[in-house]
N, C-alpha and C. Protein backbone atom coordinates (compact mmCIF):
# COMPACT_ATOMS: atom_id res chain seq x y z
N UNK A 1 87.15 60.28 80.64
CA UNK A 1 87.34 61.54 81.37
C UNK A 1 87.79 62.61 80.39
N UNK A 2 87.21 63.82 80.50
CA UNK A 2 87.57 64.90 79.61
C UNK A 2 88.96 65.42 79.92
N UNK A 3 89.77 65.56 78.91
CA UNK A 3 91.14 66.01 79.09
C UNK A 3 91.17 67.51 79.34
N UNK A 4 91.96 67.95 80.31
CA UNK A 4 92.06 69.37 80.63
C UNK A 4 92.81 70.11 79.55
N UNK A 5 92.35 71.32 79.22
CA UNK A 5 93.07 72.16 78.28
C UNK A 5 93.84 73.24 79.04
N UNK A 6 93.77 73.24 80.37
CA UNK A 6 94.36 74.30 81.19
C UNK A 6 95.82 74.01 81.51
N UNK A 7 96.62 75.08 81.49
CA UNK A 7 98.00 75.03 81.92
C UNK A 7 98.20 76.13 82.95
N UNK A 8 99.07 75.87 83.91
CA UNK A 8 99.30 76.87 84.95
C UNK A 8 99.73 78.21 84.36
N UNK A 9 100.53 78.16 83.28
CA UNK A 9 101.02 79.39 82.67
C UNK A 9 99.92 80.17 81.95
N UNK A 10 98.80 79.50 81.67
CA UNK A 10 97.70 80.16 80.97
C UNK A 10 96.70 80.81 81.91
N UNK A 11 96.87 80.62 83.20
CA UNK A 11 95.88 81.09 84.16
C UNK A 11 96.39 82.26 84.99
N UNK A 12 95.52 83.24 85.16
CA UNK A 12 95.85 84.40 85.98
C UNK A 12 94.66 84.68 86.89
N UNK A 13 94.88 84.68 88.19
CA UNK A 13 93.81 84.93 89.14
C UNK A 13 93.78 86.42 89.49
N UNK A 14 92.65 87.05 89.28
CA UNK A 14 92.48 88.47 89.56
C UNK A 14 91.33 88.63 90.55
N UNK A 15 91.64 89.08 91.76
CA UNK A 15 90.60 89.27 92.78
C UNK A 15 90.28 90.75 92.95
N UNK A 16 89.02 91.00 93.27
CA UNK A 16 88.57 92.38 93.48
C UNK A 16 87.53 92.41 94.59
N UNK A 17 87.62 93.37 95.52
CA UNK A 17 86.60 93.47 96.58
C UNK A 17 85.24 93.88 96.04
N UNK A 18 85.22 94.41 94.80
CA UNK A 18 83.95 94.84 94.21
C UNK A 18 83.24 93.72 93.49
N UNK A 19 83.95 92.65 93.21
CA UNK A 19 83.37 91.54 92.45
C UNK A 19 82.55 90.63 93.35
N UNK A 20 81.41 90.18 92.85
CA UNK A 20 80.53 89.28 93.61
C UNK A 20 80.46 87.89 92.99
N UNK A 21 80.80 87.76 91.71
CA UNK A 21 80.71 86.48 91.03
C UNK A 21 82.02 86.17 90.31
N UNK A 22 82.20 84.90 90.02
CA UNK A 22 83.40 84.45 89.32
C UNK A 22 83.13 84.49 87.82
N UNK A 23 84.10 85.00 87.06
CA UNK A 23 83.98 85.07 85.61
C UNK A 23 85.34 84.80 84.99
N UNK A 24 85.34 84.62 83.68
CA UNK A 24 86.60 84.36 82.96
C UNK A 24 86.76 85.38 81.85
N UNK A 25 88.00 85.72 81.56
CA UNK A 25 88.30 86.53 80.39
C UNK A 25 89.61 86.03 79.79
N UNK A 26 89.79 86.25 78.49
CA UNK A 26 90.99 85.77 77.81
C UNK A 26 91.65 86.92 77.07
N UNK A 27 92.97 86.99 77.14
CA UNK A 27 93.75 88.03 76.47
C UNK A 27 94.26 87.51 75.12
N UNK A 28 94.65 88.41 74.22
CA UNK A 28 95.14 87.98 72.90
C UNK A 28 96.36 87.06 72.96
N UNK A 29 97.12 87.12 74.08
CA UNK A 29 98.28 86.22 74.20
C UNK A 29 97.88 84.82 74.68
N UNK A 30 96.58 84.59 74.88
CA UNK A 30 96.10 83.29 75.28
C UNK A 30 95.98 83.08 76.77
N UNK A 31 96.41 84.06 77.57
CA UNK A 31 96.31 83.93 79.03
C UNK A 31 94.87 84.16 79.47
N UNK A 32 94.37 83.23 80.27
CA UNK A 32 93.00 83.32 80.79
C UNK A 32 93.03 83.89 82.20
N UNK A 33 92.20 84.91 82.43
CA UNK A 33 92.06 85.47 83.77
C UNK A 33 90.81 84.92 84.44
N UNK A 34 90.97 84.53 85.69
CA UNK A 34 89.83 84.12 86.51
C UNK A 34 89.52 85.31 87.40
N UNK A 35 88.39 85.96 87.17
CA UNK A 35 88.00 87.15 87.92
C UNK A 35 87.15 86.72 89.10
N UNK A 36 87.60 87.03 90.31
CA UNK A 36 86.97 86.42 91.49
C UNK A 36 86.85 87.42 92.63
N UNK A 37 85.88 87.18 93.53
CA UNK A 37 85.79 87.98 94.75
C UNK A 37 86.98 87.67 95.67
N UNK A 38 87.26 88.57 96.57
CA UNK A 38 88.29 88.32 97.57
C UNK A 38 87.84 87.19 98.50
N UNK A 39 88.75 86.31 98.84
CA UNK A 39 88.44 85.26 99.81
C UNK A 39 88.23 83.89 99.22
N UNK A 40 88.04 83.80 97.90
CA UNK A 40 87.89 82.49 97.28
C UNK A 40 89.28 81.89 97.09
N UNK A 41 89.57 80.72 97.67
CA UNK A 41 90.92 80.14 97.57
C UNK A 41 91.29 79.74 96.15
N UNK A 42 92.60 79.74 95.90
CA UNK A 42 93.10 79.36 94.57
C UNK A 42 92.61 77.98 94.16
N UNK A 43 92.61 77.05 95.09
CA UNK A 43 92.21 75.68 94.76
C UNK A 43 90.79 75.61 94.25
N UNK A 44 89.89 76.40 94.83
CA UNK A 44 88.49 76.42 94.40
C UNK A 44 88.37 77.06 93.02
N UNK A 45 89.13 78.13 92.79
CA UNK A 45 89.08 78.79 91.49
C UNK A 45 89.60 77.88 90.38
N UNK A 46 90.66 77.15 90.66
CA UNK A 46 91.20 76.23 89.66
C UNK A 46 90.23 75.08 89.40
N UNK A 47 89.53 74.65 90.44
CA UNK A 47 88.53 73.59 90.25
C UNK A 47 87.41 74.09 89.34
N UNK A 48 86.95 75.33 89.56
CA UNK A 48 85.89 75.90 88.74
C UNK A 48 86.38 76.08 87.30
N UNK A 49 87.63 76.51 87.16
CA UNK A 49 88.20 76.66 85.82
C UNK A 49 88.25 75.33 85.09
N UNK A 50 88.65 74.29 85.81
CA UNK A 50 88.72 72.96 85.22
C UNK A 50 87.35 72.49 84.75
N UNK A 51 86.32 72.81 85.54
CA UNK A 51 84.96 72.40 85.19
C UNK A 51 84.42 73.17 83.99
N UNK A 52 85.04 74.31 83.68
CA UNK A 52 84.58 75.15 82.56
C UNK A 52 85.62 75.24 81.46
N UNK A 53 86.42 74.18 81.30
CA UNK A 53 87.53 74.29 80.36
C UNK A 53 87.10 74.47 78.90
N UNK A 54 85.94 73.95 78.52
CA UNK A 54 85.49 74.14 77.15
C UNK A 54 85.11 75.60 76.89
N UNK A 55 84.45 76.21 77.87
CA UNK A 55 84.11 77.64 77.76
C UNK A 55 85.39 78.47 77.68
N UNK A 56 86.37 78.14 78.51
CA UNK A 56 87.63 78.87 78.52
C UNK A 56 88.35 78.74 77.19
N UNK A 57 88.31 77.54 76.63
CA UNK A 57 88.97 77.34 75.34
C UNK A 57 88.32 78.18 74.25
N UNK A 58 86.99 78.29 74.28
CA UNK A 58 86.30 79.13 73.29
C UNK A 58 86.69 80.59 73.46
N UNK A 59 86.74 81.05 74.72
CA UNK A 59 87.14 82.43 74.97
C UNK A 59 88.56 82.68 74.48
N UNK A 60 89.45 81.72 74.74
CA UNK A 60 90.85 81.88 74.36
C UNK A 60 91.00 81.94 72.84
N UNK A 61 90.34 81.03 72.14
CA UNK A 61 90.46 81.00 70.68
C UNK A 61 89.93 82.29 70.07
N UNK A 62 88.82 82.77 70.63
CA UNK A 62 88.24 84.01 70.12
C UNK A 62 89.18 85.19 70.38
N UNK A 63 89.78 85.24 71.56
CA UNK A 63 90.67 86.35 71.91
C UNK A 63 91.92 86.36 71.05
N UNK A 64 92.48 85.20 70.80
CA UNK A 64 93.70 85.11 70.01
C UNK A 64 93.42 85.47 68.55
N UNK A 65 92.23 85.14 68.09
CA UNK A 65 91.87 85.38 66.69
C UNK A 65 91.60 86.86 66.41
N UNK A 66 91.12 87.59 67.43
CA UNK A 66 90.72 88.97 67.22
C UNK A 66 91.77 89.95 67.75
N UNK A 67 91.82 91.15 67.20
CA UNK A 67 92.78 92.15 67.71
C UNK A 67 92.45 92.56 69.14
N UNK A 68 93.46 92.96 69.88
CA UNK A 68 93.28 93.33 71.29
C UNK A 68 92.41 94.58 71.40
N UNK A 69 91.52 94.59 72.38
CA UNK A 69 90.72 95.78 72.64
C UNK A 69 91.55 96.79 73.43
N UNK A 70 91.28 98.07 73.24
CA UNK A 70 92.03 99.09 73.98
C UNK A 70 91.67 99.08 75.46
N UNK A 71 92.62 99.46 76.30
CA UNK A 71 92.35 99.59 77.73
C UNK A 71 91.78 100.97 78.02
N UNK A 72 90.83 101.05 78.93
CA UNK A 72 90.21 102.33 79.28
C UNK A 72 91.24 103.23 79.96
N UNK A 73 91.26 104.49 79.56
CA UNK A 73 92.14 105.50 80.16
C UNK A 73 91.25 106.60 80.70
N UNK A 74 91.39 106.92 81.98
CA UNK A 74 90.47 107.85 82.64
C UNK A 74 91.12 109.23 82.79
N UNK A 75 91.28 109.90 81.66
CA UNK A 75 91.87 111.24 81.63
C UNK A 75 90.91 112.17 80.88
N UNK A 76 90.97 113.46 81.19
CA UNK A 76 90.09 114.41 80.54
C UNK A 76 90.34 114.40 79.03
N UNK A 77 89.26 114.36 78.27
CA UNK A 77 89.37 114.31 76.82
C UNK A 77 89.30 112.91 76.25
N UNK A 78 89.59 111.89 77.07
CA UNK A 78 89.45 110.50 76.60
C UNK A 78 87.97 110.24 76.30
N UNK A 79 87.72 109.44 75.28
CA UNK A 79 86.35 109.22 74.82
C UNK A 79 85.84 107.83 75.17
N UNK A 80 84.53 107.79 75.50
CA UNK A 80 83.86 106.53 75.81
C UNK A 80 82.53 106.50 75.07
N UNK A 81 82.06 105.28 74.80
CA UNK A 81 80.80 105.12 74.08
C UNK A 81 79.60 105.29 75.00
N UNK A 82 78.54 105.86 74.43
CA UNK A 82 77.21 105.87 75.05
C UNK A 82 76.21 105.73 73.91
N UNK A 83 75.40 104.67 73.95
CA UNK A 83 74.41 104.37 72.91
C UNK A 83 75.05 104.33 71.51
N UNK A 84 76.30 103.84 71.44
CA UNK A 84 76.95 103.63 70.16
C UNK A 84 77.75 104.80 69.64
N UNK A 85 77.76 105.93 70.35
CA UNK A 85 78.52 107.09 69.93
C UNK A 85 79.56 107.45 70.99
N UNK A 86 80.66 108.03 70.55
CA UNK A 86 81.73 108.38 71.47
C UNK A 86 81.60 109.82 71.98
N UNK A 87 81.85 109.97 73.29
CA UNK A 87 81.82 111.28 73.92
C UNK A 87 83.02 111.40 74.85
N UNK A 88 83.54 112.61 75.02
CA UNK A 88 84.72 112.80 75.87
C UNK A 88 84.37 112.90 77.35
N UNK A 89 85.36 112.69 78.18
CA UNK A 89 85.25 112.96 79.61
C UNK A 89 85.58 114.43 79.85
N UNK A 90 84.78 115.08 80.67
CA UNK A 90 85.05 116.44 81.14
C UNK A 90 84.97 116.42 82.66
N UNK A 91 85.93 117.04 83.31
CA UNK A 91 85.95 117.02 84.78
C UNK A 91 85.23 118.23 85.37
N UNK A 92 84.52 117.98 86.48
CA UNK A 92 83.89 119.04 87.26
C UNK A 92 84.26 118.83 88.72
N UNK A 93 83.75 119.66 89.58
CA UNK A 93 84.09 119.50 91.00
C UNK A 93 83.30 118.39 91.66
N UNK A 94 82.00 118.35 91.43
CA UNK A 94 81.17 117.39 92.16
C UNK A 94 80.21 116.61 91.26
N UNK A 95 79.71 117.25 90.23
CA UNK A 95 78.57 116.71 89.50
C UNK A 95 78.94 115.52 88.63
N UNK A 96 78.06 114.51 88.60
CA UNK A 96 78.13 113.45 87.60
C UNK A 96 76.91 113.61 86.71
N UNK A 97 77.15 113.93 85.45
CA UNK A 97 76.04 114.21 84.55
C UNK A 97 76.49 113.95 83.11
N UNK A 98 75.59 114.25 82.17
CA UNK A 98 75.93 114.10 80.76
C UNK A 98 75.38 115.29 80.00
N UNK A 99 76.25 115.92 79.21
CA UNK A 99 75.84 117.06 78.38
C UNK A 99 76.77 117.09 77.16
N UNK A 100 76.58 116.12 76.27
CA UNK A 100 77.48 116.01 75.13
C UNK A 100 78.87 115.55 75.54
N UNK A 101 79.00 115.18 76.80
CA UNK A 101 80.26 114.69 77.37
C UNK A 101 79.92 114.03 78.70
N UNK A 102 80.81 113.15 79.14
CA UNK A 102 80.67 112.56 80.47
C UNK A 102 81.25 113.56 81.47
N UNK A 103 80.40 114.19 82.25
CA UNK A 103 80.85 115.18 83.23
C UNK A 103 81.03 114.47 84.56
N UNK A 104 82.28 114.35 85.00
CA UNK A 104 82.61 113.55 86.17
C UNK A 104 83.52 114.32 87.12
N UNK A 105 83.43 114.04 88.43
CA UNK A 105 84.35 114.66 89.37
C UNK A 105 85.79 114.22 89.10
N UNK A 106 86.71 115.15 89.17
CA UNK A 106 88.12 114.80 89.00
C UNK A 106 88.59 113.97 90.19
N UNK A 107 89.55 113.10 89.95
CA UNK A 107 90.07 112.26 91.03
C UNK A 107 90.97 111.19 90.47
N UNK A 108 91.39 110.24 91.31
CA UNK A 108 92.22 109.13 90.84
C UNK A 108 91.41 108.24 89.91
N UNK A 109 92.10 107.42 89.09
CA UNK A 109 91.40 106.59 88.10
C UNK A 109 90.30 105.71 88.68
N UNK A 110 90.54 105.11 89.86
CA UNK A 110 89.52 104.22 90.42
C UNK A 110 88.25 104.99 90.79
N UNK A 111 88.41 106.27 91.20
CA UNK A 111 87.24 107.09 91.53
C UNK A 111 86.49 107.49 90.26
N UNK A 112 87.22 107.83 89.22
CA UNK A 112 86.59 108.20 87.95
C UNK A 112 85.84 106.99 87.38
N UNK A 113 86.46 105.81 87.45
CA UNK A 113 85.78 104.60 87.00
C UNK A 113 84.49 104.37 87.78
N UNK A 114 84.53 104.55 89.09
CA UNK A 114 83.34 104.33 89.92
C UNK A 114 82.21 105.29 89.51
N UNK A 115 82.56 106.56 89.24
CA UNK A 115 81.56 107.53 88.82
C UNK A 115 81.00 107.18 87.45
N UNK A 116 81.87 106.79 86.53
CA UNK A 116 81.44 106.43 85.18
C UNK A 116 80.56 105.18 85.21
N UNK A 117 80.97 104.20 86.01
CA UNK A 117 80.17 102.99 86.15
C UNK A 117 78.79 103.32 86.71
N UNK A 118 78.74 104.19 87.72
CA UNK A 118 77.45 104.57 88.29
C UNK A 118 76.54 105.22 87.26
N UNK A 119 77.13 106.07 86.42
CA UNK A 119 76.35 106.71 85.35
C UNK A 119 75.82 105.67 84.38
N UNK A 120 76.69 104.75 83.95
CA UNK A 120 76.28 103.71 83.01
C UNK A 120 75.19 102.83 83.62
N UNK A 121 75.35 102.47 84.88
CA UNK A 121 74.35 101.60 85.52
C UNK A 121 72.97 102.25 85.52
N UNK A 122 72.92 103.52 85.87
CA UNK A 122 71.64 104.24 85.89
C UNK A 122 71.05 104.33 84.49
N UNK A 123 71.90 104.66 83.52
CA UNK A 123 71.44 104.84 82.14
C UNK A 123 70.89 103.53 81.57
N UNK A 124 71.61 102.43 81.75
CA UNK A 124 71.16 101.18 81.14
C UNK A 124 69.92 100.64 81.82
N UNK A 125 69.80 100.83 83.13
CA UNK A 125 68.59 100.36 83.82
C UNK A 125 67.37 101.13 83.32
N UNK A 126 67.50 102.44 83.15
CA UNK A 126 66.37 103.25 82.68
C UNK A 126 65.94 102.82 81.27
N UNK A 127 66.92 102.41 80.46
CA UNK A 127 66.58 101.95 79.11
C UNK A 127 65.95 100.57 79.15
N UNK A 128 66.54 99.68 79.93
CA UNK A 128 66.16 98.27 79.90
C UNK A 128 64.78 97.99 80.48
N UNK A 129 64.48 98.57 81.63
CA UNK A 129 63.28 98.16 82.37
C UNK A 129 62.01 98.27 81.53
N UNK A 130 61.68 99.43 80.95
CA UNK A 130 60.45 99.46 80.14
C UNK A 130 60.56 98.63 78.87
N UNK A 131 61.77 98.55 78.32
CA UNK A 131 61.97 97.83 77.07
C UNK A 131 61.73 96.33 77.25
N UNK A 132 62.34 95.76 78.27
CA UNK A 132 62.22 94.32 78.46
C UNK A 132 60.80 93.94 78.87
N UNK A 133 60.13 94.80 79.62
CA UNK A 133 58.74 94.52 79.97
C UNK A 133 57.86 94.53 78.73
N UNK A 134 58.10 95.47 77.83
CA UNK A 134 57.32 95.54 76.60
C UNK A 134 57.58 94.33 75.72
N UNK A 135 58.85 93.97 75.54
CA UNK A 135 59.19 92.82 74.71
C UNK A 135 58.64 91.52 75.29
N UNK A 136 58.75 91.36 76.62
CA UNK A 136 58.25 90.15 77.26
C UNK A 136 56.74 90.03 77.08
N UNK A 137 56.04 91.16 77.17
CA UNK A 137 54.59 91.14 76.98
C UNK A 137 54.24 90.75 75.54
N UNK A 138 55.01 91.27 74.57
CA UNK A 138 54.77 90.93 73.17
C UNK A 138 54.90 89.41 72.95
N UNK A 139 55.90 88.81 73.57
CA UNK A 139 56.18 87.38 73.37
C UNK A 139 55.46 86.49 74.37
N UNK A 140 54.70 87.10 75.29
CA UNK A 140 53.99 86.37 76.35
C UNK A 140 54.97 85.53 77.17
N UNK A 141 56.06 86.18 77.56
CA UNK A 141 57.08 85.54 78.39
C UNK A 141 57.13 86.23 79.74
N UNK A 142 57.46 85.46 80.76
CA UNK A 142 57.53 86.01 82.11
C UNK A 142 58.93 85.79 82.68
N UNK A 143 59.47 86.85 83.27
CA UNK A 143 60.77 86.75 83.94
C UNK A 143 60.59 87.17 85.40
N UNK A 144 61.56 86.82 86.22
CA UNK A 144 61.46 87.11 87.65
C UNK A 144 61.92 88.53 87.97
N UNK A 145 63.15 88.86 87.59
CA UNK A 145 63.67 90.19 87.87
C UNK A 145 64.81 90.53 86.92
N UNK A 146 65.17 91.81 86.91
CA UNK A 146 66.29 92.31 86.11
C UNK A 146 67.43 92.66 87.05
N UNK A 147 68.62 92.25 86.68
CA UNK A 147 69.81 92.53 87.49
C UNK A 147 70.87 93.19 86.61
N UNK A 148 71.51 94.23 87.13
CA UNK A 148 72.60 94.88 86.42
C UNK A 148 73.91 94.41 87.06
N UNK A 149 74.77 93.81 86.24
CA UNK A 149 76.02 93.23 86.74
C UNK A 149 77.22 93.98 86.18
N UNK A 150 78.39 93.55 86.59
CA UNK A 150 79.63 94.11 86.08
C UNK A 150 80.34 93.16 85.15
N UNK A 151 79.61 92.23 84.55
CA UNK A 151 80.23 91.20 83.72
C UNK A 151 81.05 91.81 82.59
N UNK A 152 82.22 91.25 82.37
CA UNK A 152 83.11 91.71 81.29
C UNK A 152 83.02 90.81 80.08
N UNK A 153 82.76 89.52 80.29
CA UNK A 153 82.83 88.56 79.19
C UNK A 153 81.49 88.30 78.50
N UNK A 154 80.40 88.83 79.04
CA UNK A 154 79.11 88.63 78.38
C UNK A 154 78.23 89.85 78.64
N UNK A 155 77.43 90.18 77.63
CA UNK A 155 76.54 91.33 77.74
C UNK A 155 75.32 91.03 78.61
N UNK A 156 74.87 89.78 78.59
CA UNK A 156 73.70 89.42 79.36
C UNK A 156 73.67 87.94 79.65
N UNK A 157 72.79 87.54 80.57
CA UNK A 157 72.62 86.13 80.90
C UNK A 157 71.23 85.95 81.48
N UNK A 158 70.77 84.70 81.47
CA UNK A 158 69.45 84.38 82.00
C UNK A 158 69.56 83.12 82.85
N UNK A 159 69.07 83.17 84.08
CA UNK A 159 69.14 82.02 84.97
C UNK A 159 67.87 81.19 84.86
N UNK A 160 67.95 79.96 85.34
CA UNK A 160 66.78 79.08 85.31
C UNK A 160 65.67 79.58 86.22
N UNK A 161 66.02 80.45 87.17
CA UNK A 161 65.00 81.01 88.07
C UNK A 161 64.26 82.19 87.45
N UNK A 162 64.71 82.61 86.24
CA UNK A 162 64.04 83.72 85.57
C UNK A 162 64.66 85.07 85.80
N UNK A 163 65.83 85.12 86.45
CA UNK A 163 66.54 86.38 86.63
C UNK A 163 67.34 86.67 85.36
N UNK A 164 67.13 87.84 84.79
CA UNK A 164 67.87 88.24 83.59
C UNK A 164 68.88 89.30 83.98
N UNK A 165 70.15 89.05 83.71
CA UNK A 165 71.23 89.96 84.08
C UNK A 165 71.80 90.62 82.84
N UNK A 166 72.13 91.89 82.98
CA UNK A 166 72.76 92.65 81.91
C UNK A 166 73.97 93.38 82.47
N UNK A 167 75.06 93.41 81.72
CA UNK A 167 76.24 94.16 82.14
C UNK A 167 75.98 95.65 81.98
N UNK A 168 76.47 96.45 82.93
CA UNK A 168 76.31 97.90 82.80
C UNK A 168 77.06 98.42 81.57
N UNK A 169 78.02 97.64 81.09
CA UNK A 169 78.79 98.05 79.90
C UNK A 169 77.93 98.02 78.63
N UNK A 170 76.75 97.43 78.71
CA UNK A 170 75.84 97.38 77.58
C UNK A 170 75.40 98.78 77.16
N UNK A 171 75.46 99.75 78.07
CA UNK A 171 75.07 101.12 77.75
C UNK A 171 75.96 101.74 76.68
N UNK A 172 77.11 101.11 76.42
CA UNK A 172 77.98 101.60 75.35
C UNK A 172 77.40 101.33 73.97
N UNK A 173 76.53 100.34 73.86
CA UNK A 173 76.11 99.83 72.55
C UNK A 173 74.98 100.64 71.92
N UNK A 174 74.87 100.60 70.59
CA UNK A 174 73.72 101.21 69.92
C UNK A 174 72.42 100.54 70.36
N UNK A 175 71.33 101.30 70.44
CA UNK A 175 70.06 100.73 70.90
C UNK A 175 69.62 99.47 70.16
N UNK A 176 69.85 99.40 68.83
CA UNK A 176 69.44 98.20 68.09
C UNK A 176 70.16 96.95 68.59
N UNK A 177 71.42 97.11 68.98
CA UNK A 177 72.18 95.97 69.48
C UNK A 177 71.79 95.64 70.92
N UNK A 178 71.42 96.65 71.69
CA UNK A 178 70.91 96.40 73.04
C UNK A 178 69.61 95.60 72.95
N UNK A 179 68.75 95.98 72.01
CA UNK A 179 67.50 95.25 71.84
C UNK A 179 67.76 93.79 71.46
N UNK A 180 68.80 93.56 70.67
CA UNK A 180 69.16 92.18 70.33
C UNK A 180 69.51 91.40 71.60
N UNK A 181 70.30 92.00 72.49
CA UNK A 181 70.69 91.32 73.73
C UNK A 181 69.46 91.04 74.59
N UNK A 182 68.53 91.99 74.64
CA UNK A 182 67.30 91.78 75.41
C UNK A 182 66.54 90.56 74.86
N UNK A 183 66.34 90.52 73.55
CA UNK A 183 65.60 89.41 72.95
C UNK A 183 66.35 88.09 73.12
N UNK A 184 67.67 88.15 73.03
CA UNK A 184 68.48 86.94 73.22
C UNK A 184 68.22 86.33 74.59
N UNK A 185 68.26 87.18 75.62
CA UNK A 185 68.06 86.66 76.98
C UNK A 185 66.62 86.27 77.23
N UNK A 186 65.67 87.00 76.68
CA UNK A 186 64.26 86.60 76.84
C UNK A 186 64.01 85.24 76.20
N UNK A 187 64.66 84.97 75.07
CA UNK A 187 64.46 83.69 74.40
C UNK A 187 65.00 82.54 75.25
N UNK A 188 65.96 82.83 76.11
CA UNK A 188 66.46 81.79 77.01
C UNK A 188 65.41 81.37 78.04
N UNK A 189 64.39 82.17 78.23
CA UNK A 189 63.29 81.74 79.09
C UNK A 189 62.55 80.56 78.47
N UNK A 190 62.65 80.43 77.15
CA UNK A 190 62.03 79.31 76.44
C UNK A 190 63.02 78.17 76.19
N UNK A 191 64.26 78.54 75.88
CA UNK A 191 65.29 77.55 75.56
C UNK A 191 66.58 77.94 76.29
N UNK A 192 66.97 77.17 77.30
CA UNK A 192 68.17 77.47 78.07
C UNK A 192 69.41 76.87 77.42
N UNK A 193 69.59 77.20 76.15
CA UNK A 193 70.72 76.65 75.39
C UNK A 193 70.88 77.49 74.14
N UNK A 194 71.82 77.11 73.27
CA UNK A 194 71.98 77.78 71.99
C UNK A 194 71.80 76.76 70.85
N UNK A 195 70.80 75.96 71.00
CA UNK A 195 70.48 74.94 70.01
C UNK A 195 69.86 75.59 68.77
N UNK A 196 69.75 74.84 67.66
CA UNK A 196 69.05 75.37 66.48
C UNK A 196 67.63 75.85 66.82
N UNK A 197 67.00 75.15 67.74
CA UNK A 197 65.64 75.57 68.14
C UNK A 197 65.67 76.94 68.80
N UNK A 198 66.69 77.20 69.62
CA UNK A 198 66.83 78.52 70.25
C UNK A 198 66.93 79.59 69.17
N UNK A 199 67.81 79.38 68.19
CA UNK A 199 68.02 80.40 67.17
C UNK A 199 66.78 80.60 66.30
N UNK A 200 66.02 79.55 66.06
CA UNK A 200 64.77 79.70 65.31
C UNK A 200 63.79 80.57 66.07
N UNK A 201 63.69 80.32 67.38
CA UNK A 201 62.76 81.13 68.18
C UNK A 201 63.22 82.58 68.27
N UNK A 202 64.53 82.79 68.41
CA UNK A 202 65.05 84.15 68.48
C UNK A 202 64.78 84.89 67.16
N UNK A 203 65.00 84.21 66.03
CA UNK A 203 64.73 84.84 64.74
C UNK A 203 63.24 85.13 64.57
N UNK A 204 62.41 84.32 65.17
CA UNK A 204 60.97 84.56 65.12
C UNK A 204 60.62 85.82 65.91
N UNK A 205 61.25 85.98 67.08
CA UNK A 205 61.01 87.18 67.89
C UNK A 205 61.64 88.42 67.26
N UNK A 206 62.84 88.22 66.69
CA UNK A 206 63.61 89.35 66.16
C UNK A 206 64.22 88.96 64.82
N UNK A 207 63.51 89.15 63.72
CA UNK A 207 64.06 88.83 62.40
C UNK A 207 65.40 89.54 62.18
N UNK A 208 66.38 88.81 61.67
CA UNK A 208 67.70 89.39 61.47
C UNK A 208 68.58 89.31 62.70
N UNK A 209 68.20 88.47 63.65
CA UNK A 209 68.95 88.38 64.90
C UNK A 209 70.41 87.99 64.68
N UNK A 210 70.65 87.07 63.77
CA UNK A 210 72.03 86.62 63.53
C UNK A 210 72.89 87.74 62.95
N UNK A 211 72.29 88.62 62.17
CA UNK A 211 73.02 89.77 61.63
C UNK A 211 73.41 90.71 62.77
N UNK A 212 72.47 90.94 63.67
CA UNK A 212 72.76 91.81 64.82
C UNK A 212 73.81 91.19 65.73
N UNK A 213 73.80 89.88 65.82
CA UNK A 213 74.82 89.20 66.62
C UNK A 213 76.21 89.50 66.06
N UNK A 214 76.35 89.42 64.73
CA UNK A 214 77.64 89.73 64.12
C UNK A 214 78.02 91.19 64.33
N UNK A 215 77.03 92.07 64.22
CA UNK A 215 77.29 93.49 64.44
C UNK A 215 77.73 93.77 65.87
N UNK A 216 77.11 93.06 66.83
CA UNK A 216 77.48 93.23 68.23
C UNK A 216 78.91 92.78 68.47
N UNK A 217 79.30 91.67 67.87
CA UNK A 217 80.67 91.18 68.03
C UNK A 217 81.68 92.16 67.45
N UNK A 218 81.31 92.77 66.32
CA UNK A 218 82.21 93.76 65.71
C UNK A 218 82.31 95.00 66.58
N UNK A 219 81.17 95.46 67.12
CA UNK A 219 81.18 96.66 67.97
C UNK A 219 81.96 96.41 69.26
N UNK A 220 81.85 95.21 69.78
CA UNK A 220 82.54 94.86 71.03
C UNK A 220 84.04 95.11 70.93
N UNK A 221 84.62 94.89 69.76
CA UNK A 221 86.05 95.08 69.58
C UNK A 221 86.47 96.54 69.70
N UNK A 222 85.52 97.45 69.58
CA UNK A 222 85.81 98.88 69.69
C UNK A 222 85.72 99.38 71.12
N UNK A 223 85.08 98.59 71.98
CA UNK A 223 84.84 99.02 73.37
C UNK A 223 86.08 98.78 74.22
N UNK A 224 86.41 99.71 75.10
CA UNK A 224 87.60 99.54 75.94
C UNK A 224 87.40 98.47 76.99
N UNK A 225 88.50 97.93 77.45
CA UNK A 225 88.49 96.99 78.56
C UNK A 225 88.60 97.80 79.84
N UNK A 226 87.60 97.68 80.71
CA UNK A 226 87.60 98.41 81.97
C UNK A 226 88.34 97.60 83.04
N UNK A 227 89.05 98.27 83.95
CA UNK A 227 89.68 97.54 85.06
C UNK A 227 88.62 96.83 85.87
N UNK A 228 88.96 95.65 86.41
CA UNK A 228 87.99 94.90 87.22
C UNK A 228 87.84 95.56 88.58
């Protein structure tokens, strides 16, 4: 039987009415958060955590090893990434737009976050849809659909049914790194793992993929942590 690496003191349950799926995140102090929808009992969340203890341990080790990411602050003048460059927030009365700055309606932090998330979701979908269709056609790969999620711990994922999911936070990244994430998930249509064979196929689709992976990890440390 696999020995548990979980301790009660290492676990923090965070529920949100906006969340639809369960995910994990780890803080630099080693505390693991279980991000969950409202209504899922503690016992079920702990069971799921126990079943994913190796994944949690990897997240924890990585978080402890790396410096803490900054927390997002939703005040005028605060800067956020778009396509790899930083732009400030500017408040308006009603409009949500972009003009060398994130133009958002003024309001409480949760409202500003909702407006910013909506902008990011629209932006990343517009970028991804034609891009992933073009890449899939080049590689003669077929996927079922594209889904935009709110995942915090991963930029993208691919299900066995062919659904490819991307976090709306991916819009923060430079286009070259977004393309890496697209190819990474498309390659999972061929190999649902991270075996040497997976990496060979990914490098075949995208030469220099491992370099971009390192660049993505470095850029990730610059991105703020958004409230769940």
